[in-house]
Amino acid sequence: MFYIPPQDVRTKLLFPAAAGRTWCEWKGSARYWDVIVGDDVRARAAWSYPRPEPGYAPLADFFAFYPSRMDRCTVDGDEATAQEGDFYGGWITAEVRGPFKGAPGTQLW
């Protein structure tokens, strides 16, 4: 997962999602954002941690995006694909090696 600093995000295109928060046992309470460009609404396509747990304080107000909810996501020109199952929101690129959680039957390992 990549967490992007707010100065590198077009925050004018992010709007608080109607359905809202989840809890990560490490980072704390996540807030969700809709990405809206014109009439195109990508519901809950991004999230952030406004007040992360102490060990994750550097992530405060950074944004993460679900690649499955965007048209295209790249890392240094390498197109990322979504981690199967979408629960973790992971970005899979050629540099990332599995196995990956998220597919049916992988939840408990």
N, C-alpha and C. Protein backbone atom coordinates (compact mmCIF):
# COMPACT_ATOMS: atom_id res chain seq x y z
N MET A 1 0.84 -1.16 0.00
CA MET A 1 0.00 0.00 0.00
C MET A 1 0.89 1.23 0.00
N PHE A 2 0.46 2.22 -0.73
CA PHE A 2 1.17 3.50 -0.77
C PHE A 2 0.30 4.55 -0.09
N TYR A 3 0.89 5.30 0.80
CA TYR A 3 0.22 6.42 1.44
C TYR A 3 0.86 7.69 0.88
N ILE A 4 0.02 8.54 0.29
CA ILE A 4 0.50 9.69 -0.47
C ILE A 4 0.26 10.96 0.33
N PRO A 5 1.29 11.80 0.46
CA PRO A 5 1.11 13.04 1.23
C PRO A 5 0.08 13.96 0.57
N PRO A 6 -0.68 14.68 1.39
CA PRO A 6 -1.76 15.51 0.84
C PRO A 6 -1.29 16.54 -0.19
N GLN A 7 -0.09 17.03 -0.08
CA GLN A 7 0.38 18.01 -1.06
C GLN A 7 0.59 17.40 -2.44
N ASP A 8 0.60 16.06 -2.53
CA ASP A 8 0.74 15.37 -3.82
C ASP A 8 -0.58 14.82 -4.34
N VAL A 9 -1.69 15.18 -3.70
CA VAL A 9 -3.02 14.69 -4.06
C VAL A 9 -3.90 15.89 -4.44
N ARG A 10 -4.69 15.73 -5.46
CA ARG A 10 -5.67 16.78 -5.82
C ARG A 10 -6.84 16.68 -4.84
N THR A 11 -6.65 17.22 -3.66
CA THR A 11 -7.64 17.08 -2.59
C THR A 11 -8.98 17.74 -2.91
N LYS A 12 -9.01 18.65 -3.88
CA LYS A 12 -10.28 19.27 -4.29
C LYS A 12 -11.21 18.26 -4.94
N LEU A 13 -10.67 17.10 -5.33
CA LEU A 13 -11.48 16.04 -5.94
C LEU A 13 -11.92 14.99 -4.92
N LEU A 14 -11.57 15.18 -3.65
CA LEU A 14 -11.93 14.24 -2.59
C LEU A 14 -13.03 14.83 -1.71
N PHE A 15 -14.04 13.99 -1.45
CA PHE A 15 -15.17 14.41 -0.64
C PHE A 15 -15.44 13.32 0.39
N PRO A 16 -15.76 13.70 1.64
CA PRO A 16 -16.03 12.67 2.66
C PRO A 16 -17.11 11.70 2.19
N ALA A 17 -16.82 10.42 2.31
CA ALA A 17 -17.78 9.38 1.91
C ALA A 17 -18.94 9.34 2.90
N ALA A 18 -20.13 9.04 2.38
CA ALA A 18 -21.32 8.96 3.23
C ALA A 18 -21.18 7.85 4.26
N ALA A 19 -20.70 6.68 3.82
CA ALA A 19 -20.51 5.56 4.74
C ALA A 19 -19.03 5.55 5.08
N GLY A 20 -18.81 5.68 6.31
CA GLY A 20 -17.60 6.10 6.75
C GLY A 20 -16.39 5.60 7.32
N ARG A 21 -16.33 4.79 8.29
CA ARG A 21 -15.07 4.51 8.97
C ARG A 21 -14.88 3.01 9.18
N THR A 22 -13.62 2.63 9.23
CA THR A 22 -13.26 1.27 9.64
C THR A 22 -12.13 1.40 10.66
N TRP A 23 -11.79 0.29 11.28
CA TRP A 23 -10.76 0.28 12.31
C TRP A 23 -9.66 -0.69 11.91
N CYS A 24 -8.43 -0.21 11.88
CA CYS A 24 -7.25 -1.05 11.66
C CYS A 24 -6.61 -1.27 13.02
N GLU A 25 -6.29 -2.50 13.33
CA GLU A 25 -5.73 -2.81 14.66
C GLU A 25 -4.37 -2.16 14.89
N TRP A 26 -3.70 -1.72 13.83
CA TRP A 26 -2.40 -1.05 13.97
C TRP A 26 -2.50 0.45 13.81
N LYS A 27 -3.23 0.89 12.79
CA LYS A 27 -3.24 2.32 12.45
C LYS A 27 -4.38 3.09 13.10
N GLY A 28 -5.46 2.42 13.47
CA GLY A 28 -6.59 3.09 14.11
C GLY A 28 -7.76 3.31 13.18
N SER A 29 -8.48 4.40 13.38
CA SER A 29 -9.72 4.69 12.66
C SER A 29 -9.43 5.32 11.30
N ALA A 30 -9.95 4.69 10.26
CA ALA A 30 -9.77 5.20 8.89
C ALA A 30 -11.01 5.98 8.46
N ARG A 31 -10.79 7.06 7.76
CA ARG A 31 -11.86 7.86 7.17
C ARG A 31 -11.84 7.62 5.66
N TYR A 32 -13.02 7.49 5.06
CA TYR A 32 -13.10 7.19 3.62
C TYR A 32 -13.51 8.42 2.82
N TRP A 33 -13.06 8.42 1.56
CA TRP A 33 -13.27 9.55 0.67
C TRP A 33 -13.79 9.06 -0.68
N ASP A 34 -14.73 9.82 -1.23
CA ASP A 34 -15.17 9.60 -2.61
C ASP A 34 -14.29 10.46 -3.51
N VAL A 35 -13.92 9.92 -4.65
CA VAL A 35 -13.20 10.70 -5.66
C VAL A 35 -14.24 11.10 -6.69
N ILE A 36 -14.40 12.41 -6.88
CA ILE A 36 -15.42 12.92 -7.80
C ILE A 36 -14.78 13.84 -8.82
N VAL A 37 -14.92 13.46 -10.09
CA VAL A 37 -14.42 14.28 -11.20
C VAL A 37 -15.61 14.48 -12.14
N GLY A 38 -16.15 15.69 -12.14
CA GLY A 38 -17.35 15.95 -12.94
C GLY A 38 -18.50 15.10 -12.43
N ASP A 39 -19.09 14.30 -13.34
CA ASP A 39 -20.20 13.41 -12.96
C ASP A 39 -19.72 12.02 -12.55
N ASP A 40 -18.44 11.77 -12.61
CA ASP A 40 -17.87 10.45 -12.29
C ASP A 40 -17.56 10.37 -10.80
N VAL A 41 -18.28 9.51 -10.09
CA VAL A 41 -18.10 9.34 -8.66
C VAL A 41 -17.51 7.96 -8.38
N ARG A 42 -16.36 7.95 -7.74
CA ARG A 42 -15.72 6.69 -7.31
C ARG A 42 -15.89 6.61 -5.79
N ALA A 43 -16.96 5.92 -5.38
CA ALA A 43 -17.32 5.85 -3.97
C ALA A 43 -16.25 5.13 -3.15
N ARG A 44 -15.90 5.72 -2.03
CA ARG A 44 -14.95 5.13 -1.08
C ARG A 44 -13.67 4.66 -1.78
N ALA A 45 -13.19 5.44 -2.70
CA ALA A 45 -12.00 5.07 -3.48
C ALA A 45 -10.70 5.38 -2.74
N ALA A 46 -10.79 6.18 -1.69
CA ALA A 46 -9.59 6.55 -0.94
C ALA A 46 -9.89 6.52 0.56
N TRP A 47 -8.83 6.45 1.35
CA TRP A 47 -8.99 6.54 2.79
C TRP A 47 -7.78 7.23 3.39
N SER A 48 -7.95 7.67 4.62
CA SER A 48 -6.86 8.32 5.35
C SER A 48 -7.03 8.02 6.83
N TYR A 49 -6.00 8.34 7.58
CA TYR A 49 -6.02 8.19 9.03
C TYR A 49 -5.77 9.57 9.64
N PRO A 50 -6.85 10.31 9.98
CA PRO A 50 -6.68 11.65 10.52
C PRO A 50 -5.87 11.67 11.83
N ARG A 51 -6.09 10.66 12.68
CA ARG A 51 -5.37 10.56 13.95
C ARG A 51 -4.92 9.12 14.16
N PRO A 52 -3.88 8.71 13.44
CA PRO A 52 -3.43 7.31 13.57
C PRO A 52 -2.84 7.02 14.95
N GLU A 53 -2.76 5.76 15.25
CA GLU A 53 -2.14 5.32 16.49
C GLU A 53 -0.69 5.82 16.52
N PRO A 54 -0.10 5.99 17.71
CA PRO A 54 1.22 6.62 17.84
C PRO A 54 2.31 6.05 16.92
N GLY A 55 2.38 4.75 16.75
CA GLY A 55 3.43 4.18 15.90
C GLY A 55 3.27 4.51 14.43
N TYR A 56 2.11 5.04 14.04
CA TYR A 56 1.82 5.36 12.64
C TYR A 56 1.56 6.85 12.44
N ALA A 57 1.96 7.66 13.39
CA ALA A 57 1.72 9.11 13.32
C ALA A 57 2.19 9.74 12.01
N PRO A 58 3.29 9.28 11.39
CA PRO A 58 3.70 9.90 10.12
C PRO A 58 2.66 9.76 9.00
N LEU A 59 1.70 8.85 9.13
CA LEU A 59 0.66 8.67 8.10
C LEU A 59 -0.50 9.65 8.25
N ALA A 60 -0.50 10.46 9.28
CA ALA A 60 -1.63 11.37 9.52
C ALA A 60 -1.94 12.19 8.28
N ASP A 61 -3.19 12.08 7.84
CA ASP A 61 -3.73 12.84 6.71
C ASP A 61 -3.15 12.49 5.34
N PHE A 62 -2.31 11.46 5.26
CA PHE A 62 -1.89 10.95 3.95
C PHE A 62 -3.08 10.18 3.37
N PHE A 63 -3.09 9.97 2.07
CA PHE A 63 -4.19 9.28 1.40
C PHE A 63 -3.71 7.99 0.76
N ALA A 64 -4.57 6.99 0.83
CA ALA A 64 -4.35 5.72 0.13
C ALA A 64 -5.54 5.52 -0.81
N PHE A 65 -5.30 4.86 -1.93
CA PHE A 65 -6.34 4.68 -2.94
C PHE A 65 -6.49 3.21 -3.30
N TYR A 66 -7.72 2.78 -3.50
CA TYR A 66 -7.98 1.43 -4.02
C TYR A 66 -7.72 1.44 -5.52
N PRO A 67 -6.75 0.69 -6.01
CA PRO A 67 -6.52 0.69 -7.46
C PRO A 67 -7.70 0.13 -8.25
N SER A 68 -8.51 -0.73 -7.61
CA SER A 68 -9.66 -1.30 -8.31
C SER A 68 -10.76 -0.27 -8.56
N ARG A 69 -10.69 0.86 -7.87
CA ARG A 69 -11.73 1.87 -8.02
C ARG A 69 -11.28 3.07 -8.86
N MET A 70 -10.07 2.97 -9.36
CA MET A 70 -9.52 4.04 -10.19
C MET A 70 -9.33 3.50 -11.61
N ASP A 71 -9.20 4.38 -12.59
CA ASP A 71 -8.97 3.94 -13.97
C ASP A 71 -7.60 3.31 -14.13
N ARG A 72 -6.61 3.91 -13.48
CA ARG A 72 -5.24 3.43 -13.65
C ARG A 72 -4.39 3.96 -12.50
N CYS A 73 -3.54 3.11 -11.96
CA CYS A 73 -2.58 3.50 -10.92
C CYS A 73 -1.22 2.98 -11.34
N THR A 74 -0.20 3.83 -11.23
CA THR A 74 1.14 3.41 -11.61
C THR A 74 2.14 3.75 -10.51
N VAL A 75 3.23 2.99 -10.51
CA VAL A 75 4.36 3.23 -9.62
C VAL A 75 5.60 3.24 -10.50
N ASP A 76 6.22 4.39 -10.64
CA ASP A 76 7.39 4.53 -11.51
C ASP A 76 7.12 3.97 -12.91
N GLY A 77 5.92 4.21 -13.44
CA GLY A 77 5.56 3.76 -14.78
C GLY A 77 5.03 2.35 -14.86
N ASP A 78 5.10 1.59 -13.78
CA ASP A 78 4.61 0.20 -13.73
C ASP A 78 3.16 0.23 -13.29
N GLU A 79 2.26 -0.29 -14.11
CA GLU A 79 0.84 -0.29 -13.76
C GLU A 79 0.57 -1.25 -12.61
N ALA A 80 -0.14 -0.75 -11.61
CA ALA A 80 -0.49 -1.56 -10.45
C ALA A 80 -1.85 -2.22 -10.68
N THR A 81 -1.98 -3.43 -10.20
CA THR A 81 -3.27 -4.10 -10.19
C THR A 81 -3.72 -4.23 -8.74
N ALA A 82 -5.00 -4.40 -8.56
CA ALA A 82 -5.56 -4.49 -7.22
C ALA A 82 -5.30 -5.85 -6.59
N GLN A 83 -5.06 -5.82 -5.30
CA GLN A 83 -4.96 -7.06 -4.54
C GLN A 83 -6.33 -7.72 -4.55
N GLU A 84 -6.37 -8.99 -4.85
CA GLU A 84 -7.65 -9.70 -4.97
C GLU A 84 -8.45 -9.57 -3.69
N GLY A 85 -9.76 -9.42 -3.84
CA GLY A 85 -10.65 -9.32 -2.71
C GLY A 85 -10.86 -7.90 -2.23
N ASP A 86 -9.96 -7.00 -2.54
CA ASP A 86 -10.07 -5.57 -2.28
C ASP A 86 -10.08 -5.19 -0.80
N PHE A 87 -10.02 -6.15 0.11
CA PHE A 87 -10.07 -5.82 1.54
C PHE A 87 -8.87 -4.99 1.96
N TYR A 88 -7.69 -5.38 1.50
CA TYR A 88 -6.46 -4.71 1.92
C TYR A 88 -6.10 -3.51 1.05
N GLY A 89 -6.68 -3.40 -0.11
CA GLY A 89 -6.40 -2.26 -0.98
C GLY A 89 -5.01 -2.26 -1.57
N GLY A 90 -4.31 -3.40 -1.50
CA GLY A 90 -2.92 -3.45 -1.93
C GLY A 90 -2.71 -3.21 -3.41
N TRP A 91 -1.56 -2.66 -3.71
CA TRP A 91 -1.13 -2.41 -5.08
C TRP A 91 -0.13 -3.48 -5.45
N ILE A 92 -0.43 -4.27 -6.47
CA ILE A 92 0.46 -5.32 -6.93
C ILE A 92 1.18 -4.80 -8.18
N THR A 93 2.50 -4.77 -8.12
CA THR A 93 3.32 -4.37 -9.26
C THR A 93 4.31 -5.50 -9.54
N ALA A 94 5.08 -5.37 -10.60
CA ALA A 94 6.05 -6.40 -10.96
C ALA A 94 7.09 -6.61 -9.86
N GLU A 95 7.34 -5.61 -9.03
CA GLU A 95 8.33 -5.72 -7.97
C GLU A 95 7.81 -6.41 -6.71
N VAL A 96 6.52 -6.58 -6.60
CA VAL A 96 5.91 -7.16 -5.40
C VAL A 96 5.69 -8.65 -5.62
N ARG A 97 6.15 -9.45 -4.69
CA ARG A 97 6.03 -10.91 -4.80
C ARG A 97 5.01 -11.43 -3.79
N GLY A 98 4.20 -12.40 -4.19
CA GLY A 98 3.18 -13.00 -3.34
C GLY A 98 3.74 -14.14 -2.52
N PRO A 99 2.91 -14.89 -1.88
CA PRO A 99 1.45 -14.92 -2.05
C PRO A 99 0.78 -13.72 -1.40
N PHE A 100 -0.45 -13.44 -1.86
CA PHE A 100 -1.20 -12.30 -1.39
C PHE A 100 -2.48 -12.76 -0.72
N LYS A 101 -2.81 -12.12 0.38
CA LYS A 101 -4.11 -12.37 1.03
C LYS A 101 -5.20 -11.67 0.24
N GLY A 102 -6.41 -12.15 0.39
CA GLY A 102 -7.57 -11.51 -0.22
C GLY A 102 -8.40 -12.44 -1.08
N ALA A 103 -7.75 -13.41 -1.71
CA ALA A 103 -8.49 -14.36 -2.55
C ALA A 103 -9.30 -15.29 -1.64
N PRO A 104 -10.35 -15.91 -2.19
CA PRO A 104 -11.10 -16.87 -1.38
C PRO A 104 -10.17 -17.90 -0.75
N GLY A 105 -10.40 -18.16 0.55
CA GLY A 105 -9.60 -19.16 1.26
C GLY A 105 -8.32 -18.63 1.89
N THR A 106 -8.04 -17.33 1.76
CA THR A 106 -6.79 -16.79 2.31
C THR A 106 -7.00 -15.91 3.54
N GLN A 107 -8.23 -15.74 3.98
CA GLN A 107 -8.50 -14.80 5.05
C GLN A 107 -7.80 -15.15 6.37
N LEU A 108 -7.67 -16.40 6.71
CA LEU A 108 -7.16 -16.77 8.03
C LEU A 108 -5.68 -17.13 8.07
N TRP A 109 -4.92 -16.83 7.04
CA TRP A 109 -3.47 -17.08 7.12
C TRP A 109 -2.71 -15.80 7.06
